[in-house]
PDB file of N, CA and C in Angstrom:
ATOM      1  N   MET A   1       0.819  -1.192   0.000  1.00  0.00           N
ATOM      2  CA  MET A   1       0.000   0.000   0.000  1.00  0.00           C
ATOM      3  C   MET A   1       0.869   1.264   0.000  1.00  0.00           C
ATOM      4  N   LYS A   2       1.962   1.233   0.759  1.00  0.00           N
ATOM      5  CA  LYS A   2       2.827   2.409   0.826  1.00  0.00           C
ATOM      6  C   LYS A   2       3.546   2.634  -0.501  1.00  0.00           C
ATOM      7  N   THR A   3       3.842   1.565  -1.218  1.00  0.00           N
ATOM      8  CA  THR A   3       4.520   1.741  -2.496  1.00  0.00           C
ATOM      9  C   THR A   3       3.600   2.445  -3.492  1.00  0.00           C
ATOM     10  N   MET A   4       2.316   2.162  -3.450  1.00  0.00           N
ATOM     11  CA  MET A   4       1.364   2.832  -4.342  1.00  0.00           C
ATOM     12  C   MET A   4       1.242   4.312  -3.973  1.00  0.00           C
ATOM     13  N   GLN A   5       1.261   4.606  -2.672  1.00  0.00           N
ATOM     14  CA  GLN A   5       1.187   6.004  -2.250  1.00  0.00           C
ATOM     15  C   GLN A   5       2.425   6.768  -2.707  1.00  0.00           C
ATOM     16  N   LYS A   6       3.584   6.117  -2.597  1.00  0.00           N
ATOM     17  CA  LYS A   6       4.814   6.761  -3.067  1.00  0.00           C
ATOM     18  C   LYS A   6       4.767   6.982  -4.577  1.00  0.00           C
ATOM     19  N   LYS A   7       4.237   5.974  -5.283  1.00  0.00           N
ATOM     20  CA  LYS A   7       4.145   6.078  -6.729  1.00  0.00           C
ATOM     21  C   LYS A   7       3.223   7.227  -7.131  1.00  0.00           C
ATOM     22  N   TYR A   8       2.072   7.332  -6.476  1.00  0.00           N
ATOM     23  CA  TYR A   8       1.144   8.417  -6.784  1.00  0.00           C
ATOM     24  C   TYR A   8       1.702   9.771  -6.369  1.00  0.00           C
ATOM     25  N   ALA A   9       2.424   9.820  -5.272  1.00  0.00           N
ATOM     26  CA  ALA A   9       3.040  11.074  -4.835  1.00  0.00           C
ATOM     27  C   ALA A   9       4.097  11.515  -5.842  1.00  0.00           C
ATOM     28  N   MET A  10       4.861  10.557  -6.350  1.00  0.00           N
ATOM     29  CA  MET A  10       5.879  10.885  -7.326  1.00  0.00           C
ATOM     30  C   MET A  10       5.227  11.356  -8.631  1.00  0.00           C
ATOM     31  N   LEU A  11       4.149  10.708  -9.057  1.00  0.00           N
ATOM     32  CA  LEU A  11       3.447  11.129 -10.266  1.00  0.00           C
ATOM     33  C   LEU A  11       2.863  12.533 -10.099  1.00  0.00           C
ATOM     34  N   ALA A  12       2.312  12.813  -8.920  1.00  0.00           N
ATOM     35  CA  ALA A  12       1.737  14.127  -8.656  1.00  0.00           C
ATOM     36  C   ALA A  12       2.818  15.202  -8.658  1.00  0.00           C
ATOM     37  N   SER A  13       3.970  14.908  -8.080  1.00  0.00           N
ATOM     38  CA  SER A  13       5.045  15.901  -8.054  1.00  0.00           C
ATOM     39  C   SER A  13       5.579  16.150  -9.459  1.00  0.00           C
ATOM     40  N   ASN A  14       5.667  15.101 -10.283  1.00  0.00           N
ATOM     41  CA  ASN A  14       6.107  15.279 -11.667  1.00  0.00           C
ATOM     42  C   ASN A  14       5.101  16.105 -12.462  1.00  0.00           C
ATOM     43  N   TYR A  15       3.807  15.899 -12.196  1.00  0.00           N
ATOM     44  CA  TYR A  15       2.767  16.672 -12.876  1.00  0.00           C
ATOM     45  C   TYR A  15       2.858  18.141 -12.489  1.00  0.00           C
ATOM     46  N   LEU A  16       3.046  18.408 -11.209  1.00  0.00           N
ATOM     47  CA  LEU A  16       3.157  19.793 -10.755  1.00  0.00           C
ATOM     48  C   LEU A  16       4.425  20.446 -11.286  1.00  0.00           C
ATOM     49  N   LYS A  17       5.492  19.686 -11.404  1.00  0.00           N
ATOM     50  CA  LYS A  17       6.740  20.234 -11.941  1.00  0.00           C
ATOM     51  C   LYS A  17       6.536  20.658 -13.389  1.00  0.00           C
ATOM     52  N   GLY A  18       5.827  19.847 -14.156  1.00  0.00           N
ATOM     53  CA  GLY A  18       5.522  20.206 -15.537  1.00  0.00           C
ATOM     54  C   GLY A  18       4.641  21.435 -15.624  1.00  0.00           C
ATOM     55  N   ALA A  19       3.709  21.595 -14.690  1.00  0.00           N
ATOM     56  CA  ALA A  19       2.847  22.769 -14.680  1.00  0.00           C
ATOM     57  C   ALA A  19       3.656  24.018 -14.373  1.00  0.00           C
ATOM     58  N   GLU A  20       4.628  23.917 -13.481  1.00  0.00           N
ATOM     59  CA  GLU A  20       5.464  25.069 -13.167  1.00  0.00           C
ATOM     60  C   GLU A  20       6.324  25.452 -14.369  1.00  0.00           C
ATOM     61  N   GLU A  21       6.828  24.465 -15.092  1.00  0.00           N
ATOM     62  CA  GLU A  21       7.618  24.765 -16.287  1.00  0.00           C
ATOM     63  C   GLU A  21       6.745  25.427 -17.349  1.00  0.00           C
ATOM     64  N   GLY A  22       5.514  24.989 -17.480  1.00  0.00           N
ATOM     65  CA  GLY A  22       4.590  25.606 -18.424  1.00  0.00           C
ATOM     66  C   GLY A  22       4.280  27.040 -18.051  1.00  0.00           C
ATOM     67  N   GLN A  23       4.148  27.300 -16.764  1.00  0.00           N
ATOM     68  CA  GLN A  23       3.877  28.662 -16.313  1.00  0.00           C
ATOM     69  C   GLN A  23       5.076  29.558 -16.607  1.00  0.00           C
ATOM     70  N   ALA A  24       6.261  29.059 -16.405  1.00  0.00           N
ATOM     71  CA  ALA A  24       7.466  29.855 -16.672  1.00  0.00           C
ATOM     72  C   ALA A  24       7.565  30.191 -18.155  1.00  0.00           C
ATOM     73  N   ILE A  25       7.253  29.245 -19.010  1.00  0.00           N
ATOM     74  CA  ILE A  25       7.292  29.494 -20.457  1.00  0.00           C
ATOM     75  C   ILE A  25       6.237  30.526 -20.837  1.00  0.00           C
ATOM     76  N   ALA A  26       5.047  30.424 -20.251  1.00  0.00           N
ATOM     77  CA  ALA A  26       3.981  31.386 -20.551  1.00  0.00           C
ATOM     78  C   ALA A  26       4.379  32.788 -20.097  1.00  0.00           C
ATOM     79  N   GLU A  27       4.941  32.908 -18.903  1.00  0.00           N
ATOM     80  CA  GLU A  27       5.365  34.217 -18.409  1.00  0.00           C
ATOM     81  C   GLU A  27       6.484  34.784 -19.276  1.00  0.00           C
ATOM     82  N   TYR A  28       7.419  33.960 -19.677  1.00  0.00           N
ATOM     83  CA  TYR A  28       8.522  34.398 -20.525  1.00  0.00           C
ATOM     84  C   TYR A  28       8.001  34.889 -21.868  1.00  0.00           C
ATOM     85  N   SER A  29       7.076  34.155 -22.454  1.00  0.00           N
ATOM     86  CA  SER A  29       6.551  34.560 -23.761  1.00  0.00           C
ATOM     87  C   SER A  29       5.759  35.864 -23.655  1.00  0.00           C
ATOM     88  N   VAL A  30       5.020  36.065 -22.563  1.00  0.00           N
ATOM     89  CA  VAL A  30       4.291  37.315 -22.378  1.00  0.00           C
ATOM     90  C   VAL A  30       5.273  38.476 -22.255  1.00  0.00           C
ATOM     91  N   LEU A  31       6.350  38.289 -21.503  1.00  0.00           N
ATOM     92  CA  LEU A  31       7.347  39.350 -21.360  1.00  0.00           C
ATOM     93  C   LEU A  31       8.043  39.656 -22.680  1.00  0.00           C
ATOM     94  N   VAL A  32       8.319  38.644 -23.473  1.00  0.00           N
ATOM     95  CA  VAL A  32       8.956  38.868 -24.779  1.00  0.00           C
ATOM     96  C   VAL A  32       8.018  39.665 -25.685  1.00  0.00           C
ATOM     97  N   VAL A  33       6.738  39.322 -25.682  1.00  0.00           N
ATOM     98  CA  VAL A  33       5.767  40.048 -26.510  1.00  0.00           C
ATOM     99  C   VAL A  33       5.664  41.502 -26.058  1.00  0.00           C
ATOM    100  N   LEU A  34       5.615  41.737 -24.748  1.00  0.00           N
ATOM    101  CA  LEU A  34       5.554  43.110 -24.242  1.00  0.00           C
ATOM    102  C   LEU A  34       6.812  43.894 -24.595  1.00  0.00           C
ATOM    103  N   PHE A  35       7.963  43.257 -24.489  1.00  0.00           N
ATOM    104  CA  PHE A  35       9.223  43.923 -24.814  1.00  0.00           C
ATOM    105  C   PHE A  35       9.277  44.288 -26.293  1.00  0.00           C
ATOM    106  N   VAL A  36       8.916  43.368 -27.162  1.00  0.00           N
ATOM    107  CA  VAL A  36       8.938  43.631 -28.601  1.00  0.00           C
ATOM    108  C   VAL A  36       7.923  44.726 -28.946  1.00  0.00           C
ATOM    109  N   GLY A  37       6.751  44.692 -28.328  1.00  0.00           N
ATOM    110  CA  GLY A  37       5.748  45.732 -28.556  1.00  0.00           C
ATOM    111  C   GLY A  37       6.238  47.102 -28.131  1.00  0.00           C
ATOM    112  N   THR A  38       6.917  47.163 -26.995  1.00  0.00           N
ATOM    113  CA  THR A  38       7.466  48.430 -26.521  1.00  0.00           C
ATOM    114  C   THR A  38       8.528  48.956 -27.474  1.00  0.00           C
ATOM    115  N   ILE A  39       9.397  48.094 -27.937  1.00  0.00           N
ATOM    116  CA  ILE A  39      10.445  48.504 -28.874  1.00  0.00           C
ATOM    117  C   ILE A  39       9.828  49.012 -30.180  1.00  0.00           C
ATOM    118  N   LEU A  40       8.830  48.319 -30.688  1.00  0.00           N
ATOM    119  CA  LEU A  40       8.179  48.752 -31.928  1.00  0.00           C
ATOM    120  C   LEU A  40       7.498  50.105 -31.749  1.00  0.00           C
ATOM    121  N   MET A  41       6.857  50.303 -30.603  1.00  0.00           N
ATOM    122  CA  MET A  41       6.200  51.581 -30.346  1.00  0.00           C
ATOM    123  C   MET A  41       7.224  52.707 -30.262  1.00  0.00           C
ATOM    124  N   MET A  42       8.354  52.456 -29.609  1.00  0.00           N
ATOM    125  CA  MET A  42       9.393  53.478 -29.502  1.00  0.00           C
ATOM    126  C   MET A  42       9.988  53.820 -30.872  1.00  0.00           C
ATOM    127  N   VAL A  43      10.226  52.825 -31.695  1.00  0.00           N
ATOM    128  CA  VAL A  43      10.767  53.068 -33.036  1.00  0.00           C
ATOM    129  C   VAL A  43       9.767  53.861 -33.871  1.00  0.00           C
ATOM    130  N   THR A  44       8.483  53.522 -33.760  1.00  0.00           N
ATOM    131  CA  THR A  44       7.449  54.249 -34.503  1.00  0.00           C
ATOM    132  C   THR A  44       7.392  55.709 -34.068  1.00  0.00           C
ATOM    133  N   LEU A  45       7.397  55.940 -32.757  1.00  0.00           N
ATOM    134  CA  LEU A  45       7.368  57.315 -32.264  1.00  0.00           C
ATOM    135  C   LEU A  45       8.620  58.080 -32.672  1.00  0.00           C
ATOM    136  N   LEU A  46       9.760  57.424 -32.650  1.00  0.00           N
ATOM    137  CA  LEU A  46      11.000  58.075 -33.061  1.00  0.00           C
ATOM    138  C   LEU A  46      10.937  58.500 -34.521  1.00  0.00           C
ATOM    139  N   SER A  47      10.428  57.625 -35.379  1.00  0.00           N
ATOM    140  CA  SER A  47      10.350  57.976 -36.799  1.00  0.00           C
ATOM    141  C   SER A  47       9.342  59.089 -37.034  1.00  0.00           C
ATOM    142  N   VAL A  48       8.207  59.054 -36.349  1.00  0.00           N
ATOM    143  CA  VAL A  48       7.192  60.097 -36.532  1.00  0.00           C
ATOM    144  C   VAL A  48       7.730  61.444 -36.069  1.00  0.00           C
ATOM    145  N   PHE A  49       8.321  61.485 -34.886  1.00  0.00           N
ATOM    146  CA  PHE A  49       8.782  62.757 -34.363  1.00  0.00           C
ATOM    147  C   PHE A  49      10.035  63.260 -35.077  1.00  0.00           C
ATOM    148  N   SER A  50      10.860  62.374 -35.599  1.00  0.00           N
ATOM    149  CA  SER A  50      12.016  62.857 -36.354  1.00  0.00           C
ATOM    150  C   SER A  50      11.561  63.470 -37.671  1.00  0.00           C
ATOM    151  N   ASP A  51      10.556  62.886 -38.335  1.00  0.00           N
ATOM    152  CA  ASP A  51      10.000  63.488 -39.546  1.00  0.00           C
ATOM    153  C   ASP A  51       9.394  64.848 -39.239  1.00  0.00           C
ATOM    154  N   TYR A  52       8.672  64.946 -38.152  1.00  0.00           N
ATOM    155  CA  TYR A  52       8.040  66.200 -37.765  1.00  0.00           C
ATOM    156  C   TYR A  52       9.103  67.244 -37.436  1.00  0.00           C
ATOM    157  N   GLY A  53      10.179  66.828 -36.788  1.00  0.00           N
ATOM    158  CA  GLY A  53      11.262  67.751 -36.453  1.00  0.00           C
ATOM    159  C   GLY A  53      11.927  68.310 -37.695  1.00  0.00           C
ATOM    160  N   TRP A  54      12.124  67.458 -38.706  1.00  0.00           N
ATOM    161  CA  TRP A  54      12.724  67.950 -39.949  1.00  0.00           C
ATOM    162  C   TRP A  54      11.808  68.957 -40.628  1.00  0.00           C
ATOM    163  N   ARG A  55      10.505  68.763 -40.556  1.00  0.00           N
ATOM    164  CA  ARG A  55       9.568  69.727 -41.142  1.00  0.00           C
ATOM    165  C   ARG A  55       9.668  71.072 -40.439  1.00  0.00           C
ATOM    166  N   ILE A  56       9.753  71.043 -39.114  1.00  0.00           N
ATOM    167  CA  ILE A  56       9.873  72.287 -38.346  1.00  0.00           C
ATOM    168  C   ILE A  56      11.190  72.984 -38.685  1.00  0.00           C
ATOM    169  N   LEU A  57      12.283  72.225 -38.754  1.00  0.00           N
ATOM    170  CA  LEU A  57      13.569  72.836 -39.101  1.00  0.00           C
ATOM    171  C   LEU A  57      13.550  73.427 -40.510  1.00  0.00           C
ATOM    172  N   ASN A  58      12.896  72.790 -41.440  1.00  0.00           N
ATOM    173  CA  ASN A  58      12.776  73.332 -42.797  1.00  0.00           C
ATOM    174  C   ASN A  58      11.950  74.616 -42.807  1.00  0.00           C
ATOM    175  N   LEU A  59      10.892  74.668 -41.992  1.00  0.00           N
ATOM    176  CA  LEU A  59      10.097  75.890 -41.912  1.00  0.00           C
ATOM    177  C   LEU A  59      10.897  77.033 -41.297  1.00  0.00           C
ATOM    178  N   ILE A  60      11.672  76.736 -40.276  1.00  0.00           N
ATOM    179  CA  ILE A  60      12.475  77.776 -39.619  1.00  0.00           C
ATOM    180  C   ILE A  60      13.566  78.272 -40.561  1.00  0.00           C
ATOM    181  N   GLY A  61      14.158  77.368 -41.293  1.00  0.00           N
ATOM    182  CA  GLY A  61      15.257  77.733 -42.167  1.00  0.00           C
ATOM    183  C   GLY A  61      14.827  78.162 -43.555  1.00  0.00           C
ATOM    184  N   SER A  62      13.531  78.371 -43.762  1.00  0.00           N
ATOM    185  CA  SER A  62      13.074  78.758 -45.107  1.00  0.00           C
ATOM    186  C   SER A  62      13.514  80.176 -45.444  1.00  0.00           C
ATOM    187  N   ASP A  63      13.561  80.492 -46.725  1.00  0.00           N
ATOM    188  CA  ASP A  63      14.044  81.795 -47.198  1.00  0.00           C
ATOM    189  C   ASP A  63      12.952  82.848 -47.264  1.00  0.00           C
ATOM    190  N   PHE A  64      11.747  82.518 -46.859  1.00  0.00           N
ATOM    191  CA  PHE A  64      10.665  83.506 -46.900  1.00  0.00           C
ATOM    192  C   PHE A  64      10.869  84.539 -45.800  1.00  0.00           C
ATOM    193  N   PRO A  65      10.522  85.815 -46.109  1.00  0.00           N
ATOM    194  CA  PRO A  65      10.719  86.871 -45.098  1.00  0.00           C
ATOM    195  C   PRO A  65       9.737  86.778 -43.951  1.00  0.00           C
TER     196      PRO A  65
END
């Protein structure tokens, strides 16, 4: 009887270990997606504002009186 309890305890611990590994992978993938999204947003804002800055500099440096 004790051998069956040990066997079931070992199976349960292996199942929980797999669940913890799955949770770690899920958390890692969520963080990677958030990081990539943040980088893309920053690059987009940089390109938009750099284009806008060049327009302002061209207006300031124009030859009109």
